[in-house]
């Protein structure tokens, strides 16, 4: 019953109201009875036989009124006790609700802090990944540049070695030709001396030998020179912004068959880039078109002049 009243305050208030209404009704009835007794006909001499029941009834009403008052007082105390208990429970509930609110706020703050820390960790991880990717990209670029530089150095070494080999080959060829020419000249001198001796002895002779011209005619020379210029020009990549008036002279030594034995700057244009472009064009045109036989002697060493307008 008490649990029902505690969870239903309205029922408690209604019960108290009913008890109070009943008490007031009883008091009102007693007041009406007393007023009725006072307004009745004049009391005659009391008869001993009739007064006893009235007194007994009054005592019973008084006792009942006292019981009702005691009962109402007890009910009021119970109501007060229930109100106090309810107030205490409400206070406890408020305190518990406040604790729960504080706990939820704390959890919320912790969740927000964890979220913020997770976002910072993710951002830091992303930055580290970006930095690692950038380092890797730079390392790859450096490796690529180093590889390109290594290849260039190897190509340059090969080119220099090949140029040195050709130069040595040309020098050996020239030495061989010089030795052959020396041997041939010595044999011719000996043969000439013997022939002269025989002629003198026989009394005959021509009075000397004719002088032979080495090399071909002018048209053939111009034809091959034009072919050489044309091939070199096709391979010449003039530097951007080349100004007019520049001219570099290259001294070229060739092997029989047109292979480039050596190429040197005989007179620079004053622009190293321009000079190097002419050398690279000549090496790219290797081998050059040259005649064979004795006609090659005129092409063994060439002086070529490179100007923006052409090759001379």
C-alpha atoms as a PDB file:
ATOM      1  CA  UNK A   1       0.000   0.000   0.000  1.00  0.00           C
ATOM      2  CA  UNK A   2       2.788   2.389   0.976  1.00  0.00           C
ATOM      3  CA  UNK A   3       4.700   1.573  -2.203  1.00  0.00           C
ATOM      4  CA  UNK A   4       1.577   2.300  -4.202  1.00  0.00           C
ATOM      5  CA  UNK A   5       1.075   5.646  -2.411  1.00  0.00           C
ATOM      6  CA  UNK A   6       4.785   6.527  -2.829  1.00  0.00           C
ATOM      7  CA  UNK A   7       4.611   6.030  -6.584  1.00  0.00           C
ATOM      8  CA  UNK A   8       1.189   7.710  -6.821  1.00  0.00           C
ATOM      9  CA  UNK A   9       1.237  11.002  -4.877  1.00  0.00           C
ATOM     10  CA  UNK A  10      -2.195  11.915  -6.202  1.00  0.00           C
ATOM     11  CA  UNK A  11      -3.747   8.833  -4.577  1.00  0.00           C
ATOM     12  CA  UNK A  12      -2.075   9.803  -1.298  1.00  0.00           C
ATOM     13  CA  UNK A  13      -3.467  13.350  -1.454  1.00  0.00           C
ATOM     14  CA  UNK A  14      -6.924  11.988  -2.334  1.00  0.00           C
ATOM     15  CA  UNK A  15      -6.840   9.584   0.627  1.00  0.00           C
ATOM     16  CA  UNK A  16      -5.843  12.361   3.028  1.00  0.00           C
ATOM     17  CA  UNK A  17      -8.562  14.608   1.610  1.00  0.00           C
ATOM     18  CA  UNK A  18     -11.215  11.907   2.111  1.00  0.00           C
ATOM     19  CA  UNK A  19     -10.159  11.348   5.717  1.00  0.00           C
ATOM     20  CA  UNK A  20     -10.251  15.072   6.410  1.00  0.00           C
ATOM     21  CA  UNK A  21     -13.657  15.327   4.764  1.00  0.00           C
ATOM     22  CA  UNK A  22     -14.949  12.467   6.934  1.00  0.00           C
ATOM     23  CA  UNK A  23     -13.569  14.160  10.065  1.00  0.00           C
ATOM     24  CA  UNK A  24     -15.203  17.457   9.193  1.00  0.00           C
ATOM     25  CA  UNK A  25     -18.463  15.613   8.519  1.00  0.00           C
ATOM     26  CA  UNK A  26     -18.384  13.957  11.919  1.00  0.00           C
ATOM     27  CA  UNK A  27     -17.608  17.277  13.592  1.00  0.00           C
ATOM     28  CA  UNK A  28     -20.441  18.894  11.728  1.00  0.00           C
ATOM     29  CA  UNK A  29     -22.849  16.127  12.767  1.00  0.00           C
ATOM     30  CA  UNK A  30     -21.824  16.507  16.369  1.00  0.00           C
ATOM     31  CA  UNK A  31     -22.324  20.253  16.146  1.00  0.00           C
ATOM     32  CA  UNK A  32     -25.772  19.682  14.685  1.00  0.00           C
ATOM     33  CA  UNK A  33     -26.613  17.241  17.442  1.00  0.00           C
ATOM     34  CA  UNK A  34     -25.521  19.681  20.105  1.00  0.00           C
ATOM     35  CA  UNK A  35     -27.496  22.496  18.467  1.00  0.00           C
ATOM     36  CA  UNK A  36     -30.523  20.237  18.244  1.00  0.00           C
ATOM     37  CA  UNK A  37     -30.253  19.346  21.854  1.00  0.00           C
ATOM     38  CA  UNK A  38     -29.952  23.007  22.835  1.00  0.00           C
ATOM     39  CA  UNK A  39     -32.951  24.063  20.760  1.00  0.00           C
ATOM     40  CA  UNK A  40     -35.253  21.288  22.031  1.00  0.00           C
ATOM     41  CA  UNK A  41     -38.119  21.816  24.471  1.00  0.00           C
ATOM     42  CA  UNK A  42     -37.224  22.821  27.997  1.00  0.00           C
ATOM     43  CA  UNK A  43     -35.759  19.951  29.743  1.00  0.00           C
ATOM     44  CA  UNK A  44     -37.956  18.728  32.419  1.00  0.00           C
ATOM     45  CA  UNK A  45     -36.751  17.316  35.495  1.00  0.00           C
ATOM     46  CA  UNK A  46     -34.397  14.657  34.487  1.00  0.00           C
ATOM     47  CA  UNK A  47     -35.540  11.260  35.021  1.00  0.00           C
ATOM     48  CA  UNK A  48     -32.920   8.997  36.227  1.00  0.00           C
ATOM     49  CA  UNK A  49     -34.025   6.243  33.917  1.00  0.00           C
ATOM     50  CA  UNK A  50     -33.791   8.374  30.659  1.00  0.00           C
ATOM     51  CA  UNK A  51     -30.442  10.291  31.164  1.00  0.00           C
ATOM     52  CA  UNK A  52     -28.196   7.233  31.198  1.00  0.00           C
ATOM     53  CA  UNK A  53     -28.604   6.292  27.505  1.00  0.00           C
ATOM     54  CA  UNK A  54     -27.903   9.901  26.408  1.00  0.00           C
ATOM     55  CA  UNK A  55     -24.692  10.113  28.382  1.00  0.00           C
ATOM     56  CA  UNK A  56     -23.561   6.777  27.025  1.00  0.00           C
ATOM     57  CA  UNK A  57     -24.213   7.928  23.465  1.00  0.00           C
ATOM     58  CA  UNK A  58     -22.304  11.169  24.030  1.00  0.00           C
ATOM     59  CA  UNK A  59     -19.353   9.288  25.438  1.00  0.00           C
ATOM     60  CA  UNK A  60     -19.326   6.990  22.483  1.00  0.00           C
ATOM     61  CA  UNK A  61     -19.394   9.936  20.055  1.00  0.00           C
ATOM     62  CA  UNK A  62     -16.586  11.616  21.962  1.00  0.00           C
ATOM     63  CA  UNK A  63     -14.561   8.446  21.905  1.00  0.00           C
ATOM     64  CA  UNK A  64     -15.176   8.073  18.221  1.00  0.00           C
ATOM     65  CA  UNK A  65     -14.195  11.676  17.634  1.00  0.00           C
ATOM     66  CA  UNK A  66     -11.025  11.131  19.620  1.00  0.00           C
ATOM     67  CA  UNK A  67     -10.298   8.019  17.637  1.00  0.00           C
ATOM     68  CA  UNK A  68     -10.878   9.895  14.407  1.00  0.00           C
ATOM     69  CA  UNK A  69      -8.620  12.727  15.561  1.00  0.00           C
ATOM     70  CA  UNK A  70      -5.939  10.268  16.542  1.00  0.00           C
ATOM     71  CA  UNK A  71      -6.389   8.480  13.266  1.00  0.00           C
ATOM     72  CA  UNK A  72      -6.206  11.756  11.323  1.00  0.00           C
ATOM     73  CA  UNK A  73      -3.118  12.804  13.255  1.00  0.00           C
ATOM     74  CA  UNK A  74      -1.537   9.468  12.546  1.00  0.00           C
ATOM     75  CA  UNK A  75      -2.447   9.816   8.873  1.00  0.00           C
ATOM     76  CA  UNK A  76      -1.003  13.334   8.807  1.00  0.00           C
ATOM     77  CA  UNK A  77       2.225  12.046  10.354  1.00  0.00           C
ATOM     78  CA  UNK A  78       2.298   9.277   7.802  1.00  0.00           C
ATOM     79  CA  UNK A  79       1.676  11.804   5.034  1.00  0.00           C
ATOM     80  CA  UNK A  80       4.440  14.037   6.381  1.00  0.00           C
ATOM     81  CA  UNK A  81       6.736  11.054   6.649  1.00  0.00           C
ATOM     82  CA  UNK A  82       5.879   9.986   3.122  1.00  0.00           C
ATOM     83  CA  UNK A  83       6.441  13.525   1.857  1.00  0.00           C
ATOM     84  CA  UNK A  84       9.784  13.658   3.601  1.00  0.00           C
ATOM     85  CA  UNK A  85      10.695  10.265   2.243  1.00  0.00           C
ATOM     86  CA  UNK A  86       9.521  11.273  -1.204  1.00  0.00           C
ATOM     87  CA  UNK A  87      11.478  14.501  -0.954  1.00  0.00           C
ATOM     88  CA  UNK A  88      14.557  12.568   0.121  1.00  0.00           C
ATOM     89  CA  UNK A  89      14.081  10.117  -2.721  1.00  0.00           C
ATOM     90  CA  UNK A  90      13.586  12.973  -5.154  1.00  0.00           C
ATOM     91  CA  UNK A  91      16.732  14.604  -3.836  1.00  0.00           C
ATOM     92  CA  UNK A  92      18.577  11.315  -4.161  1.00  0.00           C
ATOM     93  CA  UNK A  93      17.263  10.970  -7.708  1.00  0.00           C
ATOM     94  CA  UNK A  94      18.357  14.541  -8.483  1.00  0.00           C
ATOM     95  CA  UNK A  95      21.795  13.845  -7.073  1.00  0.00           C
ATOM     96  CA  UNK A  96      22.013  10.602  -8.989  1.00  0.00           C
ATOM     97  CA  UNK A  97      20.827  12.366 -12.149  1.00  0.00           C
ATOM     98  CA  UNK A  98      23.420  15.083 -11.585  1.00  0.00           C
ATOM     99  CA  UNK A  99      26.120  12.440 -11.104  1.00  0.00           C
ATOM    100  CA  UNK A 100      24.962  10.699 -14.259  1.00  0.00           C
ATOM    101  CA  UNK A 101      25.012  14.011 -16.140  1.00  0.00           C
ATOM    102  CA  UNK A 102      28.534  14.745 -14.897  1.00  0.00           C
ATOM    103  CA  UNK A 103      29.605  11.211 -15.809  1.00  0.00           C
ATOM    104  CA  UNK A 104      28.141  11.576 -19.315  1.00  0.00           C
ATOM    105  CA  UNK A 105      29.800  14.964 -19.724  1.00  0.00           C
ATOM    106  CA  UNK A 106      33.098  13.432 -18.633  1.00  0.00           C
ATOM    107  CA  UNK A 107      32.641  10.564 -21.082  1.00  0.00           C
ATOM    108  CA  UNK A 108      31.739  13.046 -23.800  1.00  0.00           C
ATOM    109  CA  UNK A 109      34.851  15.100 -23.085  1.00  0.00           C
ATOM    110  CA  UNK A 110      36.966  11.958 -23.063  1.00  0.00           C
ATOM    111  CA  UNK A 111      35.446  10.873 -26.382  1.00  0.00           C
ATOM    112  CA  UNK A 112      36.086  14.328 -27.874  1.00  0.00           C
ATOM    113  CA  UNK A 113      39.659  14.299 -26.569  1.00  0.00           C
ATOM    114  CA  UNK A 114      40.258  10.820 -27.977  1.00  0.00           C
ATOM    115  CA  UNK A 115      38.759  11.935 -31.281  1.00  0.00           C
ATOM    116  CA  UNK A 116      41.013  14.995 -31.323  1.00  0.00           C
ATOM    117  CA  UNK A 117      44.087  12.897 -30.478  1.00  0.00           C
ATOM    118  CA  UNK A 118      43.127  10.355 -33.158  1.00  0.00           C
ATOM    119  CA  UNK A 119      42.747  13.177 -35.697  1.00  0.00           C
ATOM    120  CA  UNK A 120      46.146  14.564 -34.685  1.00  0.00           C
ATOM    121  CA  UNK A 121      47.720  11.115 -34.961  1.00  0.00           C
ATOM    122  CA  UNK A 122      46.145  10.600 -38.364  1.00  0.00           C
ATOM    123  CA  UNK A 123      47.304  14.027 -39.503  1.00  0.00           C
ATOM    124  CA  UNK A 124      50.806  13.395 -38.185  1.00  0.00           C
ATOM    125  CA  UNK A 125      50.866   9.979 -39.869  1.00  0.00           C
ATOM    126  CA  UNK A 126      49.702  11.542 -43.134  1.00  0.00           C
ATOM    127  CA  UNK A 127      52.403  14.209 -42.884  1.00  0.00           C
ATOM    128  CA  UNK A 128      55.021  11.536 -42.164  1.00  0.00           C
ATOM    129  CA  UNK A 129      53.812   9.526 -45.154  1.00  0.00           C
ATOM    130  CA  UNK A 130      53.986  12.631 -47.352  1.00  0.00           C
ATOM    131  CA  UNK A 131      57.483  13.407 -46.061  1.00  0.00           C
ATOM    132  CA  UNK A 132      58.562   9.798 -46.675  1.00  0.00           C
ATOM    133  CA  UNK A 133      57.092   9.905 -50.185  1.00  0.00           C
ATOM    134  CA  UNK A 134      58.882  13.208 -50.849  1.00  0.00           C
ATOM    135  CA  UNK A 135      62.170  11.774 -49.557  1.00  0.00           C
ATOM    136  CA  UNK A 136      61.695   8.697 -51.713  1.00  0.00           C
ATOM    137  CA  UNK A 137      60.899  10.863 -54.743  1.00  0.00           C
ATOM    138  CA  UNK A 138      64.024  12.957 -54.143  1.00  0.00           C
ATOM    139  CA  UNK A 139      66.135   9.844 -53.683  1.00  0.00           C
ATOM    140  CA  UNK A 140      64.753   8.416 -56.916  1.00  0.00           C
ATOM    141  CA  UNK A 141      65.471  11.687 -58.702  1.00  0.00           C
ATOM    142  CA  UNK A 142      68.989  11.722 -57.291  1.00  0.00           C
ATOM    143  CA  UNK A 143      69.479   8.101 -58.327  1.00  0.00           C
ATOM    144  CA  UNK A 144      68.112   8.917 -61.769  1.00  0.00           C
ATOM    145  CA  UNK A 145      70.420  11.922 -62.099  1.00  0.00           C
ATOM    146  CA  UNK A 146      73.341   9.865 -60.824  1.00  0.00           C
ATOM    147  CA  UNK A 147      72.510   7.115 -63.313  1.00  0.00           C
ATOM    148  CA  UNK A 148      72.239   9.640 -66.144  1.00  0.00           C
ATOM    149  CA  UNK A 149      75.509  11.226 -65.076  1.00  0.00           C
ATOM    150  CA  UNK A 150      77.128   7.791 -64.918  1.00  0.00           C
ATOM    151  CA  UNK A 151      75.846   6.948 -68.391  1.00  0.00           C
ATOM    152  CA  UNK A 152      77.091  10.271 -69.710  1.00  0.00           C
ATOM    153  CA  UNK A 153      80.489   9.698 -68.149  1.00  0.00           C
ATOM    154  CA  UNK A 154      80.618   6.181 -69.584  1.00  0.00           C
ATOM    155  CA  UNK A 155      79.575   7.479 -73.006  1.00  0.00           C
ATOM    156  CA  UNK A 156      82.183  10.212 -72.768  1.00  0.00           C
ATOM    157  CA  UNK A 157      84.804   7.671 -71.718  1.00  0.00           C
ATOM    158  CA  UNK A 158      83.829   5.432 -74.618  1.00  0.00           C
ATOM    159  CA  UNK A 159      83.917   8.376 -76.999  1.00  0.00           C
ATOM    160  CA  UNK A 160      87.328   9.480 -75.735  1.00  0.00           C
ATOM    161  CA  UNK A 161      88.600   5.904 -75.841  1.00  0.00           C
ATOM    162  CA  UNK A 162      87.273   5.485 -79.358  1.00  0.00           C
ATOM    163  CA  UNK A 163      88.771   8.813 -80.366  1.00  0.00           C
ATOM    164  CA  UNK A 164      92.081   7.814 -78.804  1.00  0.00           C
ATOM    165  CA  UNK A 165      91.918   4.451 -80.546  1.00  0.00           C
ATOM    166  CA  UNK A 166      91.233   6.114 -83.892  1.00  0.00           C
ATOM    167  CA  UNK A 167      94.026   8.593 -83.280  1.00  0.00           C
ATOM    168  CA  UNK A 168      96.431   5.814 -82.412  1.00  0.00           C
ATOM    169  CA  UNK A 169      95.240   3.878 -85.439  1.00  0.00           C
ATOM    170  CA  UNK A 170      95.765   6.954 -87.624  1.00  0.00           C
ATOM    171  CA  UNK A 171      99.203   7.469 -86.173  1.00  0.00           C
ATOM    172  CA  UNK A 172     100.075   3.815 -86.822  1.00  0.00           C
ATOM    173  CA  UNK A 173      98.645   4.126 -90.334  1.00  0.00           C
ATOM    174  CA  UNK A 174     100.665   7.269 -90.948  1.00  0.00           C
ATOM    175  CA  UNK A 175     103.762   5.623 -89.540  1.00  0.00           C
ATOM    176  CA  UNK A 176     103.212   2.593 -91.742  1.00  0.00           C
ATOM    177  CA  UNK A 177     102.649   4.776 -94.770  1.00  0.00           C
ATOM    178  CA  UNK A 178     105.728   6.798 -93.906  1.00  0.00           C
ATOM    179  CA  UNK A 179     107.806   3.639 -93.582  1.00  0.00           C
ATOM    180  CA  UNK A 180     106.321   2.279 -96.814  1.00  0.00           C
ATOM    181  CA  UNK A 181     107.010   5.579 -98.557  1.00  0.00           C
ATOM    182  CA  UNK A 182     110.541   5.618 -97.178  1.00  0.00           C
ATOM    183  CA  UNK A 183     111.141   2.053 -98.316  1.00  0.00           C
ATOM    184  CA  UNK A 184     109.594   2.757-101.706  1.00  0.00           C
ATOM    185  CA  UNK A 185     111.669   5.916-102.112  1.00  0.00           C
ATOM    186  CA  UNK A 186     114.845   4.114-101.219  1.00  0.00           C
ATOM    187  CA  UNK A 187     114.050   1.314-103.689  1.00  0.00           C
ATOM    188  CA  UNK A 188     113.217   3.870-106.402  1.00  0.00           C
ATOM    189  CA  UNK A 189     116.440   5.726-105.788  1.00  0.00           C
ATOM    190  CA  UNK A 190     118.399   2.527-105.965  1.00  0.00           C
ATOM    191  CA  UNK A 191     116.546   1.496-109.131  1.00  0.00           C
ATOM    192  CA  UNK A 192     117.086   4.928-110.646  1.00  0.00           C
ATOM    193  CA  UNK A 193     120.729   4.886-109.838  1.00  0.00           C
ATOM    194  CA  UNK A 194     121.104   1.413-111.379  1.00  0.00           C
ATOM    195  CA  UNK A 195     119.139   2.471-114.455  1.00  0.00           C
ATOM    196  CA  UNK A 196     121.220   5.606-114.848  1.00  0.00           C
ATOM    197  CA  UNK A 197     124.346   3.597-114.509  1.00  0.00           C
ATOM    198  CA  UNK A 198     123.166   1.152-117.136  1.00  0.00           C
ATOM    199  CA  UNK A 199     122.090   3.934-119.467  1.00  0.00           C
ATOM    200  CA  UNK A 200     125.352   5.668-119.082  1.00  0.00           C
ATOM    201  CA  UNK A 201     127.136   2.461-119.701  1.00  0.00           C
ATOM    202  CA  UNK A 202     124.963   1.729-122.755  1.00  0.00           C
ATOM    203  CA  UNK A 203     125.072   5.310-123.936  1.00  0.00           C
ATOM    204  CA  UNK A 204     121.271   5.798-123.781  1.00  0.00           C
ATOM    205  CA  UNK A 205     118.934   7.836-121.585  1.00  0.00           C
ATOM    206  CA  UNK A 206     116.256  10.433-121.498  1.00  0.00           C
ATOM    207  CA  UNK A 207     117.936  13.027-119.445  1.00  0.00           C
ATOM    208  CA  UNK A 208     115.532  12.588-116.411  1.00  0.00           C
ATOM    209  CA  UNK A 209     112.159  11.232-115.329  1.00  0.00           C
ATOM    210  CA  UNK A 210     108.772  12.893-115.383  1.00  0.00           C
ATOM    211  CA  UNK A 211     107.085  14.144-112.221  1.00  0.00           C
ATOM    212  CA  UNK A 212     103.781  12.359-111.349  1.00  0.00           C
ATOM    213  CA  UNK A 213     100.828  14.169-109.738  1.00  0.00           C
ATOM    214  CA  UNK A 214      98.989  12.454-106.964  1.00  0.00           C
ATOM    215  CA  UNK A 215      95.278  12.821-106.476  1.00  0.00           C
ATOM    216  CA  UNK A 216      92.322  13.220-108.732  1.00  0.00           C
ATOM    217  CA  UNK A 217      91.048  16.139-110.700  1.00  0.00           C
ATOM    218  CA  UNK A 218      89.288  19.259-109.382  1.00  0.00           C
ATOM    219  CA  UNK A 219      85.762  18.115-110.165  1.00  0.00           C
ATOM    220  CA  UNK A 220      86.137  14.883-108.222  1.00  0.00           C
ATOM    221  CA  UNK A 221      87.594  16.748-105.249  1.00  0.00           C
ATOM    222  CA  UNK A 222      84.724  19.265-105.254  1.00  0.00           C
ATOM    223  CA  UNK A 223      82.199  16.413-105.490  1.00  0.00           C
ATOM    224  CA  UNK A 224      83.493  14.687-102.373  1.00  0.00           C
ATOM    225  CA  UNK A 225      83.919  17.960-100.485  1.00  0.00           C
ATOM    226  CA  UNK A 226      80.265  18.763-101.251  1.00  0.00           C
ATOM    227  CA  UNK A 227      79.179  15.327-100.020  1.00  0.00           C
ATOM    228  CA  UNK A 228      81.181  15.794 -96.800  1.00  0.00           C
ATOM    229  CA  UNK A 229      79.652  19.220 -96.169  1.00  0.00           C
ATOM    230  CA  UNK A 230      76.146  17.904 -96.850  1.00  0.00           C
ATOM    231  CA  UNK A 231      76.470  14.969 -94.435  1.00  0.00           C
ATOM    232  CA  UNK A 232      77.924  17.091 -91.644  1.00  0.00           C
ATOM    233  CA  UNK A 233      75.239  19.763 -92.148  1.00  0.00           C
ATOM    234  CA  UNK A 234      72.480  17.130 -91.776  1.00  0.00           C
ATOM    235  CA  UNK A 235      73.902  16.168 -88.376  1.00  0.00           C
ATOM    236  CA  UNK A 236      74.609  19.695 -87.136  1.00  0.00           C
ATOM    237  CA  UNK A 237      72.306  20.966 -84.383  1.00  0.00           C
ATOM    238  CA  UNK A 238      73.094  24.644 -84.026  1.00  0.00           C
ATOM    239  CA  UNK A 239      72.731  25.954 -80.435  1.00  0.00           C
ATOM    240  CA  UNK A 240      69.641  28.130 -79.795  1.00  0.00           C
ATOM    241  CA  UNK A 241      70.324  31.843 -80.090  1.00  0.00           C
ATOM    242  CA  UNK A 242      73.362  31.437 -82.309  1.00  0.00           C
ATOM    243  CA  UNK A 243      74.430  34.873 -83.505  1.00  0.00           C
ATOM    244  CA  UNK A 244      75.747  35.593 -86.969  1.00  0.00           C
ATOM    245  CA  UNK A 245      79.447  36.165 -87.382  1.00  0.00           C
ATOM    246  CA  UNK A 246      80.574  33.120 -85.371  1.00  0.00           C
ATOM    247  CA  UNK A 247      83.044  30.815 -87.084  1.00  0.00           C
ATOM    248  CA  UNK A 248      85.049  27.861 -85.811  1.00  0.00           C
ATOM    249  CA  UNK A 249      87.723  26.032 -87.814  1.00  0.00           C
ATOM    250  CA  UNK A 250      88.143  22.297 -87.148  1.00  0.00           C
ATOM    251  CA  UNK A 251      91.194  20.321 -88.205  1.00  0.00           C
ATOM    252  CA  UNK A 252      90.136  16.753 -89.084  1.00  0.00           C
ATOM    253  CA  UNK A 253      92.274  13.696 -89.734  1.00  0.00           C
ATOM    254  CA  UNK A 254      90.642  10.796 -91.548  1.00  0.00           C
ATOM    255  CA  UNK A 255      91.339   7.113 -91.985  1.00  0.00           C
ATOM    256  CA  UNK A 256      91.192   5.574 -95.445  1.00  0.00           C
ATOM    257  CA  UNK A 257      87.523   4.867 -95.911  1.00  0.00           C
ATOM    258  CA  UNK A 258      86.403   8.132 -94.209  1.00  0.00           C
ATOM    259  CA  UNK A 259      86.659   7.182 -90.531  1.00  0.00           C
ATOM    260  CA  UNK A 260      87.402  10.161 -88.232  1.00  0.00           C
ATOM    261  CA  UNK A 261      90.824   9.639 -86.650  1.00  0.00           C
ATOM    262  CA  UNK A 262      91.057  12.982 -84.862  1.00  0.00           C
ATOM    263  CA  UNK A 263      89.212  16.284 -84.688  1.00  0.00           C
ATOM    264  CA  UNK A 264      90.557  19.415 -83.037  1.00  0.00           C
ATOM    265  CA  UNK A 265      89.633  23.070 -82.829  1.00  0.00           C
ATOM    266  CA  UNK A 266      92.162  24.917 -84.973  1.00  0.00           C
ATOM    267  CA  UNK A 267      90.552  28.340 -84.450  1.00  0.00           C
ATOM    268  CA  UNK A 268      87.764  28.851 -81.890  1.00  0.00           C
ATOM    269  CA  UNK A 269      84.704  31.017 -82.412  1.00  0.00           C
ATOM    270  CA  UNK A 270      84.904  32.240 -78.827  1.00  0.00           C
ATOM    271  CA  UNK A 271      81.717  30.352 -77.929  1.00  0.00           C
ATOM    272  CA  UNK A 272      82.516  26.902 -76.405  1.00  0.00           C
ATOM    273  CA  UNK A 273      78.948  25.684 -76.944  1.00  0.00           C
ATOM    274  CA  UNK A 274      79.073  26.604 -80.622  1.00  0.00           C
ATOM    275  CA  UNK A 275      82.499  24.946 -81.016  1.00  0.00           C
ATOM    276  CA  UNK A 276      81.285  21.756 -79.300  1.00  0.00           C
ATOM    277  CA  UNK A 277      78.177  21.593 -81.516  1.00  0.00           C
ATOM    278  CA  UNK A 278      80.416  21.630 -84.621  1.00  0.00           C
ATOM    279  CA  UNK A 279      82.608  18.846 -83.209  1.00  0.00           C
ATOM    280  CA  UNK A 280      79.563  16.738 -82.314  1.00  0.00           C
ATOM    281  CA  UNK A 281      78.126  17.232 -85.822  1.00  0.00           C
ATOM    282  CA  UNK A 282      81.360  16.031 -87.407  1.00  0.00           C
ATOM    283  CA  UNK A 283      81.567  12.980 -85.116  1.00  0.00           C
ATOM    284  CA  UNK A 284      77.902  12.179 -85.802  1.00  0.00           C
ATOM    285  CA  UNK A 285      78.635  12.185 -89.534  1.00  0.00           C
ATOM    286  CA  UNK A 286      81.450   9.611 -89.083  1.00  0.00           C
ATOM    287  CA  UNK A 287      82.405   7.984 -91.484  1.00  0.00           C
ATOM    288  CA  UNK A 288      82.687  10.711 -94.109  1.00  0.00           C
ATOM    289  CA  UNK A 289      82.417  10.034 -97.859  1.00  0.00           C
ATOM    290  CA  UNK A 290      85.924  10.037 -99.357  1.00  0.00           C
ATOM    291  CA  UNK A 291      87.469   8.572-102.526  1.00  0.00           C
ATOM    292  CA  UNK A 292      89.663   5.535-102.458  1.00  0.00           C
ATOM    293  CA  UNK A 293      93.161   4.981-103.709  1.00  0.00           C
ATOM    294  CA  UNK A 294      95.658   7.787-104.186  1.00  0.00           C
ATOM    295  CA  UNK A 295      92.822  10.328-104.482  1.00  0.00           C
ATOM    296  CA  UNK A 296      92.278   9.885-100.701  1.00  0.00           C
ATOM    297  CA  UNK A 297      95.603  11.578 -99.959  1.00  0.00           C
ATOM    298  CA  UNK A 298      94.011  15.007-100.479  1.00  0.00           C
ATOM    299  CA  UNK A 299      91.323  14.129 -97.868  1.00  0.00           C
ATOM    300  CA  UNK A 300      93.631  12.753 -95.213  1.00  0.00           C
ATOM    301  CA  UNK A 301      93.643  16.093 -93.392  1.00  0.00           C
ATOM    302  CA  UNK A 302      90.867  18.663 -93.815  1.00  0.00           C
ATOM    303  CA  UNK A 303      90.291  22.141 -92.433  1.00  0.00           C
ATOM    304  CA  UNK A 304      86.553  22.811 -92.176  1.00  0.00           C
ATOM    305  CA  UNK A 305      85.091  26.206 -91.266  1.00  0.00           C
ATOM    306  CA  UNK A 306      81.681  26.180 -89.523  1.00  0.00           C
ATOM    307  CA  UNK A 307      79.623  29.376 -89.694  1.00  0.00           C
ATOM    308  CA  UNK A 308      75.855  29.889 -89.165  1.00  0.00           C
ATOM    309  CA  UNK A 309      75.456  30.195 -92.944  1.00  0.00           C
ATOM    310  CA  UNK A 310      77.142  26.868 -93.735  1.00  0.00           C
ATOM    311  CA  UNK A 311      80.347  24.829 -93.833  1.00  0.00           C
ATOM    312  CA  UNK A 312      83.360  25.794 -95.961  1.00  0.00           C
END
